[in-house]
Amino acid sequence: MVSMLLNNPQVRAMDRFFETAMGKNLSPFAVMDRVLDNVTQNIPPEDGSEFTVYKMVPVHYRIEHQKDGSVHYNIIKEDETTESG
């Protein structure tokens, strides 16, 4: 059975986190809102970066930024994959 209790260093880290936040006169809810906002920020991918999505078979994509600001996710066929990846 897996223990659901946090280790002492983890509890102390959380305690320091909230202690610092409360020292800045922030409520715990405001602190968590800021944390979740930072975690869920949309970070645009770099132009030319590639990634793989596994469905039933792997599909390779190449990201291309267009002049109009849109981002295209192009599927790369096996014979087009780069040797650097």
PDB file of N, CA and C in Angstrom:
ATOM      1  N   MET A   1       0.838  -1.166   0.000  1.00  0.00           N
ATOM      2  CA  MET A   1       0.000   0.000   0.000  1.00  0.00           C
ATOM      3  C   MET A   1       0.892   1.241   0.000  1.00  0.00           C
ATOM      4  N   VAL A   2       0.549   2.216  -0.819  1.00  0.00           N
ATOM      5  CA  VAL A   2       1.330   3.429  -0.953  1.00  0.00           C
ATOM      6  C   VAL A   2       0.876   4.436   0.094  1.00  0.00           C
ATOM      7  N   SER A   3       1.846   5.028   0.780  1.00  0.00           N
ATOM      8  CA  SER A   3       1.540   6.022   1.800  1.00  0.00           C
ATOM      9  C   SER A   3       1.170   7.344   1.142  1.00  0.00           C
ATOM     10  N   MET A   4       0.105   7.966   1.595  1.00  0.00           N
ATOM     11  CA  MET A   4      -0.335   9.248   1.075  1.00  0.00           C
ATOM     12  C   MET A   4       0.255  10.414   1.869  1.00  0.00           C
ATOM     13  N   LEU A   5       1.038  10.127   2.904  1.00  0.00           N
ATOM     14  CA  LEU A   5       1.640  11.184   3.715  1.00  0.00           C
ATOM     15  C   LEU A   5       2.847  11.768   3.004  1.00  0.00           C
ATOM     16  N   LEU A   6       3.032  13.062   3.127  1.00  0.00           N
ATOM     17  CA  LEU A   6       4.181  13.721   2.527  1.00  0.00           C
ATOM     18  C   LEU A   6       5.401  13.561   3.431  1.00  0.00           C
ATOM     19  N   ASN A   7       6.561  13.484   2.813  1.00  0.00           N
ATOM     20  CA  ASN A   7       7.805  13.457   3.586  1.00  0.00           C
ATOM     21  C   ASN A   7       8.010  14.816   4.237  1.00  0.00           C
ATOM     22  N   ASN A   8       8.744  14.843   5.333  1.00  0.00           N
ATOM     23  CA  ASN A   8       8.972  16.082   6.069  1.00  0.00           C
ATOM     24  C   ASN A   8       9.559  17.199   5.191  1.00  0.00           C
ATOM     25  N   PRO A   9      10.561  16.947   4.317  1.00  0.00           N
ATOM     26  CA  PRO A   9      11.084  18.033   3.477  1.00  0.00           C
ATOM     27  C   PRO A   9      10.014  18.609   2.543  1.00  0.00           C
ATOM     28  N   GLN A  10       9.094  17.761   2.065  1.00  0.00           N
ATOM     29  CA  GLN A  10       8.028  18.243   1.182  1.00  0.00           C
ATOM     30  C   GLN A  10       7.068  19.148   1.946  1.00  0.00           C
ATOM     31  N   VAL A  11       6.745  18.761   3.173  1.00  0.00           N
ATOM     32  CA  VAL A  11       5.851  19.570   3.999  1.00  0.00           C
ATOM     33  C   VAL A  11       6.517  20.903   4.310  1.00  0.00           C
ATOM     34  N   ARG A  12       7.797  20.888   4.639  1.00  0.00           N
ATOM     35  CA  ARG A  12       8.510  22.125   4.960  1.00  0.00           C
ATOM     36  C   ARG A  12       8.596  23.035   3.748  1.00  0.00           C
ATOM     37  N   ALA A  13       8.787  22.472   2.560  1.00  0.00           N
ATOM     38  CA  ALA A  13       8.848  23.282   1.339  1.00  0.00           C
ATOM     39  C   ALA A  13       7.505  23.971   1.093  1.00  0.00           C
ATOM     40  N   MET A  14       6.420  23.256   1.293  1.00  0.00           N
ATOM     41  CA  MET A  14       5.092  23.853   1.131  1.00  0.00           C
ATOM     42  C   MET A  14       4.870  24.923   2.193  1.00  0.00           C
ATOM     43  N   ASP A  15       5.330  24.656   3.409  1.00  0.00           N
ATOM     44  CA  ASP A  15       5.179  25.614   4.491  1.00  0.00           C
ATOM     45  C   ASP A  15       5.942  26.906   4.178  1.00  0.00           C
ATOM     46  N   ARG A  16       7.174  26.787   3.698  1.00  0.00           N
ATOM     47  CA  ARG A  16       7.967  27.969   3.327  1.00  0.00           C
ATOM     48  C   ARG A  16       7.317  28.731   2.189  1.00  0.00           C
ATOM     49  N   PHE A  17       6.757  27.996   1.234  1.00  0.00           N
ATOM     50  CA  PHE A  17       6.089  28.623   0.098  1.00  0.00           C
ATOM     51  C   PHE A  17       4.942  29.516   0.577  1.00  0.00           C
ATOM     52  N   PHE A  18       4.072  28.965   1.425  1.00  0.00           N
ATOM     53  CA  PHE A  18       2.932  29.745   1.905  1.00  0.00           C
ATOM     54  C   PHE A  18       3.353  30.811   2.912  1.00  0.00           C
ATOM     55  N   GLU A  19       4.395  30.543   3.694  1.00  0.00           N
ATOM     56  CA  GLU A  19       4.893  31.537   4.633  1.00  0.00           C
ATOM     57  C   GLU A  19       5.394  32.774   3.890  1.00  0.00           C
ATOM     58  N   THR A  20       6.116  32.557   2.804  1.00  0.00           N
ATOM     59  CA  THR A  20       6.606  33.667   1.983  1.00  0.00           C
ATOM     60  C   THR A  20       5.443  34.430   1.362  1.00  0.00           C
ATOM     61  N   ALA A  21       4.457  33.690   0.861  1.00  0.00           N
ATOM     62  CA  ALA A  21       3.302  34.328   0.226  1.00  0.00           C
ATOM     63  C   ALA A  21       2.495  35.123   1.241  1.00  0.00           C
ATOM     64  N   MET A  22       2.311  34.581   2.419  1.00  0.00           N
ATOM     65  CA  MET A  22       1.533  35.280   3.433  1.00  0.00           C
ATOM     66  C   MET A  22       2.288  36.502   3.939  1.00  0.00           C
ATOM     67  N   GLY A  23       3.625  36.454   3.899  1.00  0.00           N
ATOM     68  CA  GLY A  23       4.430  37.603   4.291  1.00  0.00           C
ATOM     69  C   GLY A  23       4.251  38.770   3.332  1.00  0.00           C
ATOM     70  N   LYS A  24       3.797  38.479   2.117  1.00  0.00           N
ATOM     71  CA  LYS A  24       3.536  39.520   1.125  1.00  0.00           C
ATOM     72  C   LYS A  24       2.062  39.916   1.122  1.00  0.00           C
ATOM     73  N   ASN A  25       1.338  39.531   2.177  1.00  0.00           N
ATOM     74  CA  ASN A  25      -0.085  39.846   2.331  1.00  0.00           C
ATOM     75  C   ASN A  25      -0.949  39.285   1.199  1.00  0.00           C
ATOM     76  N   LEU A  26      -0.616  38.091   0.759  1.00  0.00           N
ATOM     77  CA  LEU A  26      -1.436  37.407  -0.240  1.00  0.00           C
ATOM     78  C   LEU A  26      -2.199  36.281   0.440  1.00  0.00           C
ATOM     79  N   SER A  27      -3.417  36.074   0.019  1.00  0.00           N
ATOM     80  CA  SER A  27      -4.174  34.947   0.564  1.00  0.00           C
ATOM     81  C   SER A  27      -3.689  33.663  -0.095  1.00  0.00           C
ATOM     82  N   PRO A  28      -3.876  32.508   0.547  1.00  0.00           N
ATOM     83  CA  PRO A  28      -3.472  31.241  -0.081  1.00  0.00           C
ATOM     84  C   PRO A  28      -4.159  31.017  -1.422  1.00  0.00           C
ATOM     85  N   PHE A  29      -5.401  31.507  -1.557  1.00  0.00           N
ATOM     86  CA  PHE A  29      -6.116  31.336  -2.825  1.00  0.00           C
ATOM     87  C   PHE A  29      -5.463  32.172  -3.927  1.00  0.00           C
ATOM     88  N   ALA A  30      -5.046  33.402  -3.595  1.00  0.00           N
ATOM     89  CA  ALA A  30      -4.369  34.249  -4.581  1.00  0.00           C
ATOM     90  C   ALA A  30      -3.040  33.631  -4.997  1.00  0.00           C
ATOM     91  N   VAL A  31      -2.352  33.038  -4.038  1.00  0.00           N
ATOM     92  CA  VAL A  31      -1.069  32.386  -4.339  1.00  0.00           C
ATOM     93  C   VAL A  31      -1.292  31.235  -5.307  1.00  0.00           C
ATOM     94  N   MET A  32      -2.268  30.390  -5.035  1.00  0.00           N
ATOM     95  CA  MET A  32      -2.526  29.245  -5.905  1.00  0.00           C
ATOM     96  C   MET A  32      -3.013  29.691  -7.278  1.00  0.00           C
ATOM     97  N   ASP A  33      -3.782  30.778  -7.346  1.00  0.00           N
ATOM     98  CA  ASP A  33      -4.205  31.302  -8.643  1.00  0.00           C
ATOM     99  C   ASP A  33      -2.993  31.696  -9.477  1.00  0.00           C
ATOM    100  N   ARG A  34      -2.030  32.370  -8.845  1.00  0.00           N
ATOM    101  CA  ARG A  34      -0.828  32.785  -9.573  1.00  0.00           C
ATOM    102  C   ARG A  34      -0.002  31.567 -10.005  1.00  0.00           C
ATOM    103  N   VAL A  35       0.101  30.573  -9.137  1.00  0.00           N
ATOM    104  CA  VAL A  35       0.853  29.363  -9.478  1.00  0.00           C
ATOM    105  C   VAL A  35       0.197  28.661 -10.661  1.00  0.00           C
ATOM    106  N   LEU A  36      -1.122  28.489 -10.598  1.00  0.00           N
ATOM    107  CA  LEU A  36      -1.816  27.794 -11.683  1.00  0.00           C
ATOM    108  C   LEU A  36      -1.773  28.595 -12.977  1.00  0.00           C
ATOM    109  N   ASP A  37      -1.831  29.923 -12.897  1.00  0.00           N
ATOM    110  CA  ASP A  37      -1.709  30.752 -14.098  1.00  0.00           C
ATOM    111  C   ASP A  37      -0.344  30.554 -14.746  1.00  0.00           C
ATOM    112  N   ASN A  38       0.707  30.503 -13.935  1.00  0.00           N
ATOM    113  CA  ASN A  38       2.047  30.309 -14.478  1.00  0.00           C
ATOM    114  C   ASN A  38       2.225  28.924 -15.083  1.00  0.00           C
ATOM    115  N   VAL A  39       1.649  27.918 -14.461  1.00  0.00           N
ATOM    116  CA  VAL A  39       1.793  26.544 -14.941  1.00  0.00           C
ATOM    117  C   VAL A  39       1.034  26.336 -16.245  1.00  0.00           C
ATOM    118  N   THR A  40      -0.111  26.987 -16.391  1.00  0.00           N
ATOM    119  CA  THR A  40      -0.957  26.764 -17.561  1.00  0.00           C
ATOM    120  C   THR A  40      -0.743  27.780 -18.671  1.00  0.00           C
ATOM    121  N   GLN A  41       0.317  28.593 -18.588  1.00  0.00           N
ATOM    122  CA  GLN A  41       0.579  29.549 -19.657  1.00  0.00           C
ATOM    123  C   GLN A  41       0.855  28.824 -20.961  1.00  0.00           C
ATOM    124  N   ASN A  42       0.330  29.398 -22.038  1.00  0.00           N
ATOM    125  CA  ASN A  42       0.557  28.838 -23.360  1.00  0.00           C
ATOM    126  C   ASN A  42       1.918  29.302 -23.862  1.00  0.00           C
ATOM    127  N   ILE A  43       2.848  28.378 -24.005  1.00  0.00           N
ATOM    128  CA  ILE A  43       4.183  28.701 -24.485  1.00  0.00           C
ATOM    129  C   ILE A  43       4.247  28.290 -25.951  1.00  0.00           C
ATOM    130  N   PRO A  44       4.389  29.261 -26.856  1.00  0.00           N
ATOM    131  CA  PRO A  44       4.401  28.902 -28.280  1.00  0.00           C
ATOM    132  C   PRO A  44       5.642  28.093 -28.631  1.00  0.00           C
ATOM    133  N   PRO A  45       5.481  27.093 -29.482  1.00  0.00           N
ATOM    134  CA  PRO A  45       6.632  26.282 -29.881  1.00  0.00           C
ATOM    135  C   PRO A  45       7.566  27.075 -30.791  1.00  0.00           C
ATOM    136  N   GLU A  46       8.818  26.690 -30.804  1.00  0.00           N
ATOM    137  CA  GLU A  46       9.799  27.351 -31.656  1.00  0.00           C
ATOM    138  C   GLU A  46       9.596  26.926 -33.103  1.00  0.00           C
ATOM    139  N   ASP A  47       9.857  27.841 -34.021  1.00  0.00           N
ATOM    140  CA  ASP A  47       9.730  27.559 -35.438  1.00  0.00           C
ATOM    141  C   ASP A  47      10.703  26.458 -35.837  1.00  0.00           C
ATOM    142  N   GLY A  48      10.223  25.485 -36.545  1.00  0.00           N
ATOM    143  CA  GLY A  48      11.065  24.384 -37.017  1.00  0.00           C
ATOM    144  C   GLY A  48      11.218  23.246 -36.037  1.00  0.00           C
ATOM    145  N   SER A  49      10.672  23.388 -34.820  1.00  0.00           N
ATOM    146  CA  SER A  49      10.801  22.286 -33.860  1.00  0.00           C
ATOM    147  C   SER A  49       9.908  21.128 -34.295  1.00  0.00           C
ATOM    148  N   GLU A  50      10.303  19.948 -33.919  1.00  0.00           N
ATOM    149  CA  GLU A  50       9.585  18.732 -34.303  1.00  0.00           C
ATOM    150  C   GLU A  50       9.199  17.957 -33.059  1.00  0.00           C
ATOM    151  N   PHE A  51       8.101  17.208 -33.131  1.00  0.00           N
ATOM    152  CA  PHE A  51       7.682  16.355 -32.037  1.00  0.00           C
ATOM    153  C   PHE A  51       6.917  15.169 -32.594  1.00  0.00           C
ATOM    154  N   THR A  52       6.688  14.177 -31.764  1.00  0.00           N
ATOM    155  CA  THR A  52       5.988  12.964 -32.171  1.00  0.00           C
ATOM    156  C   THR A  52       4.790  12.758 -31.277  1.00  0.00           C
ATOM    157  N   VAL A  53       3.648  12.451 -31.876  1.00  0.00           N
ATOM    158  CA  VAL A  53       2.440  12.096 -31.147  1.00  0.00           C
ATOM    159  C   VAL A  53       2.170  10.629 -31.449  1.00  0.00           C
ATOM    160  N   TYR A  54       2.029   9.807 -30.409  1.00  0.00           N
ATOM    161  CA  TYR A  54       1.774   8.393 -30.603  1.00  0.00           C
ATOM    162  C   TYR A  54       0.282   8.124 -30.474  1.00  0.00           C
ATOM    163  N   LYS A  55      -0.292   7.656 -31.565  1.00  0.00           N
ATOM    164  CA  LYS A  55      -1.685   7.213 -31.542  1.00  0.00           C
ATOM    165  C   LYS A  55      -1.603   5.702 -31.718  1.00  0.00           C
ATOM    166  N   MET A  56      -2.158   5.207 -32.763  1.00  0.00           N
ATOM    167  CA  MET A  56      -1.977   3.785 -33.052  1.00  0.00           C
ATOM    168  C   MET A  56      -0.605   3.558 -33.672  1.00  0.00           C
ATOM    169  N   VAL A  57      -0.124   4.536 -34.399  1.00  0.00           N
ATOM    170  CA  VAL A  57       1.219   4.522 -34.975  1.00  0.00           C
ATOM    171  C   VAL A  57       1.823   5.900 -34.725  1.00  0.00           C
ATOM    172  N   PRO A  58       3.150   6.011 -34.632  1.00  0.00           N
ATOM    173  CA  PRO A  58       3.735   7.331 -34.394  1.00  0.00           C
ATOM    174  C   PRO A  58       3.547   8.249 -35.601  1.00  0.00           C
ATOM    175  N   VAL A  59       3.262   9.497 -35.334  1.00  0.00           N
ATOM    176  CA  VAL A  59       3.117  10.518 -36.370  1.00  0.00           C
ATOM    177  C   VAL A  59       4.089  11.643 -36.023  1.00  0.00           C
ATOM    178  N   HIS A  60       4.966  11.986 -36.944  1.00  0.00           N
ATOM    179  CA  HIS A  60       5.950  13.043 -36.732  1.00  0.00           C
ATOM    180  C   HIS A  60       5.414  14.345 -37.307  1.00  0.00           C
ATOM    181  N   TYR A  61       5.607  15.441 -36.550  1.00  0.00           N
ATOM    182  CA  TYR A  61       5.134  16.756 -36.965  1.00  0.00           C
ATOM    183  C   TYR A  61       6.296  17.737 -37.033  1.00  0.00           C
ATOM    184  N   ARG A  62       6.197  18.724 -37.924  1.00  0.00           N
ATOM    185  CA  ARG A  62       7.133  19.852 -37.970  1.00  0.00           C
ATOM    186  C   ARG A  62       6.303  21.121 -37.812  1.00  0.00           C
ATOM    187  N   ILE A  63       6.759  22.003 -36.928  1.00  0.00           N
ATOM    188  CA  ILE A  63       6.046  23.242 -36.643  1.00  0.00           C
ATOM    189  C   ILE A  63       6.577  24.337 -37.546  1.00  0.00           C
ATOM    190  N   GLU A  64       5.651  25.090 -38.171  1.00  0.00           N
ATOM    191  CA  GLU A  64       6.034  26.216 -39.008  1.00  0.00           C
ATOM    192  C   GLU A  64       5.192  27.426 -38.633  1.00  0.00           C
ATOM    193  N   HIS A  65       5.859  28.545 -38.355  1.00  0.00           N
ATOM    194  CA  HIS A  65       5.172  29.801 -38.066  1.00  0.00           C
ATOM    195  C   HIS A  65       4.946  30.534 -39.384  1.00  0.00           C
ATOM    196  N   GLN A  66       3.721  30.972 -39.631  1.00  0.00           N
ATOM    197  CA  GLN A  66       3.375  31.693 -40.846  1.00  0.00           C
ATOM    198  C   GLN A  66       3.457  33.196 -40.609  1.00  0.00           C
ATOM    199  N   LYS A  67       3.555  33.963 -41.685  1.00  0.00           N
ATOM    200  CA  LYS A  67       3.667  35.421 -41.589  1.00  0.00           C
ATOM    201  C   LYS A  67       2.440  36.039 -40.938  1.00  0.00           C
ATOM    202  N   ASP A  68       1.276  35.406 -41.082  1.00  0.00           N
ATOM    203  CA  ASP A  68       0.045  35.965 -40.498  1.00  0.00           C
ATOM    204  C   ASP A  68      -0.087  35.645 -39.007  1.00  0.00           C
ATOM    205  N   GLY A  69       0.924  34.979 -38.432  1.00  0.00           N
ATOM    206  CA  GLY A  69       0.917  34.674 -37.007  1.00  0.00           C
ATOM    207  C   GLY A  69       0.397  33.292 -36.666  1.00  0.00           C
ATOM    208  N   SER A  70      -0.123  32.590 -37.648  1.00  0.00           N
ATOM    209  CA  SER A  70      -0.649  31.255 -37.373  1.00  0.00           C
ATOM    210  C   SER A  70       0.502  30.256 -37.263  1.00  0.00           C
ATOM    211  N   VAL A  71       0.223  29.155 -36.608  1.00  0.00           N
ATOM    212  CA  VAL A  71       1.202  28.086 -36.434  1.00  0.00           C
ATOM    213  C   VAL A  71       0.654  26.839 -37.112  1.00  0.00           C
ATOM    214  N   HIS A  72       1.442  26.260 -38.010  1.00  0.00           N
ATOM    215  CA  HIS A  72       1.022  25.056 -38.722  1.00  0.00           C
ATOM    216  C   HIS A  72       1.791  23.856 -38.182  1.00  0.00           C
ATOM    217  N   TYR A  73       1.081  22.769 -37.951  1.00  0.00           N
ATOM    218  CA  TYR A  73       1.670  21.508 -37.519  1.00  0.00           C
ATOM    219  C   TYR A  73       1.611  20.572 -38.720  1.00  0.00           C
ATOM    220  N   ASN A  74       2.719  20.429 -39.423  1.00  0.00           N
ATOM    221  CA  ASN A  74       2.766  19.623 -40.639  1.00  0.00           C
ATOM    222  C   ASN A  74       3.260  18.220 -40.324  1.00  0.00           C
ATOM    223  N   ILE A  75       2.582  17.233 -40.877  1.00  0.00           N
ATOM    224  CA  ILE A  75       2.989  15.836 -40.701  1.00  0.00           C
ATOM    225  C   ILE A  75       4.198  15.576 -41.588  1.00  0.00           C
ATOM    226  N   ILE A  76       5.213  14.932 -41.008  1.00  0.00           N
ATOM    227  CA  ILE A  76       6.426  14.583 -41.745  1.00  0.00           C
ATOM    228  C   ILE A  76       6.334  13.112 -42.103  1.00  0.00           C
ATOM    229  N   LYS A  77       6.500  12.823 -43.360  1.00  0.00           N
ATOM    230  CA  LYS A  77       6.510  11.420 -43.796  1.00  0.00           C
ATOM    231  C   LYS A  77       7.858  10.810 -43.430  1.00  0.00           C
ATOM    232  N   GLU A  78       7.934   9.505 -43.323  1.00  0.00           N
ATOM    233  CA  GLU A  78       9.156   8.803 -42.897  1.00  0.00           C
ATOM    234  C   GLU A  78      10.371   9.182 -43.737  1.00  0.00           C
ATOM    235  N   ASP A  79      10.231   9.336 -45.054  1.00  0.00           N
ATOM    236  CA  ASP A  79      11.365   9.648 -45.898  1.00  0.00           C
ATOM    237  C   ASP A  79      11.815  11.110 -45.769  1.00  0.00           C
ATOM    238  N   GLU A  80      11.042  11.961 -45.068  1.00  0.00           N
ATOM    239  CA  GLU A  80      11.383  13.374 -44.892  1.00  0.00           C
ATOM    240  C   GLU A  80      11.985  13.693 -43.527  1.00  0.00           C
ATOM    241  N   THR A  81      12.053  12.732 -42.608  1.00  0.00           N
ATOM    242  CA  THR A  81      12.538  13.010 -41.260  1.00  0.00           C
ATOM    243  C   THR A  81      13.997  13.422 -41.293  1.00  0.00           C
ATOM    244  N   THR A  82      14.363  14.319 -40.371  1.00  0.00           N
ATOM    245  CA  THR A  82      15.739  14.817 -40.335  1.00  0.00           C
ATOM    246  C   THR A  82      16.628  13.850 -39.573  1.00  0.00           C
ATOM    247  N   GLU A  83      17.882  13.880 -39.884  1.00  0.00           N
ATOM    248  CA  GLU A  83      18.853  13.016 -39.213  1.00  0.00           C
ATOM    249  C   GLU A  83      19.267  13.556 -37.859  1.00  0.00           C
ATOM    250  N   SER A  84      18.963  14.852 -37.558  1.00  0.00           N
ATOM    251  CA  SER A  84      19.402  15.455 -36.305  1.00  0.00           C
ATOM    252  C   SER A  84      18.591  14.979 -35.118  1.00  0.00           C
ATOM    253  N   GLY A  85      17.391  14.483 -35.292  1.00  0.00           N
ATOM    254  CA  GLY A  85      16.515  14.124 -34.192  1.00  0.00           C
ATOM    255  C   GLY A  85      16.672  12.755 -33.795  1.00  0.00           C
TER     256      GLY A  85
END
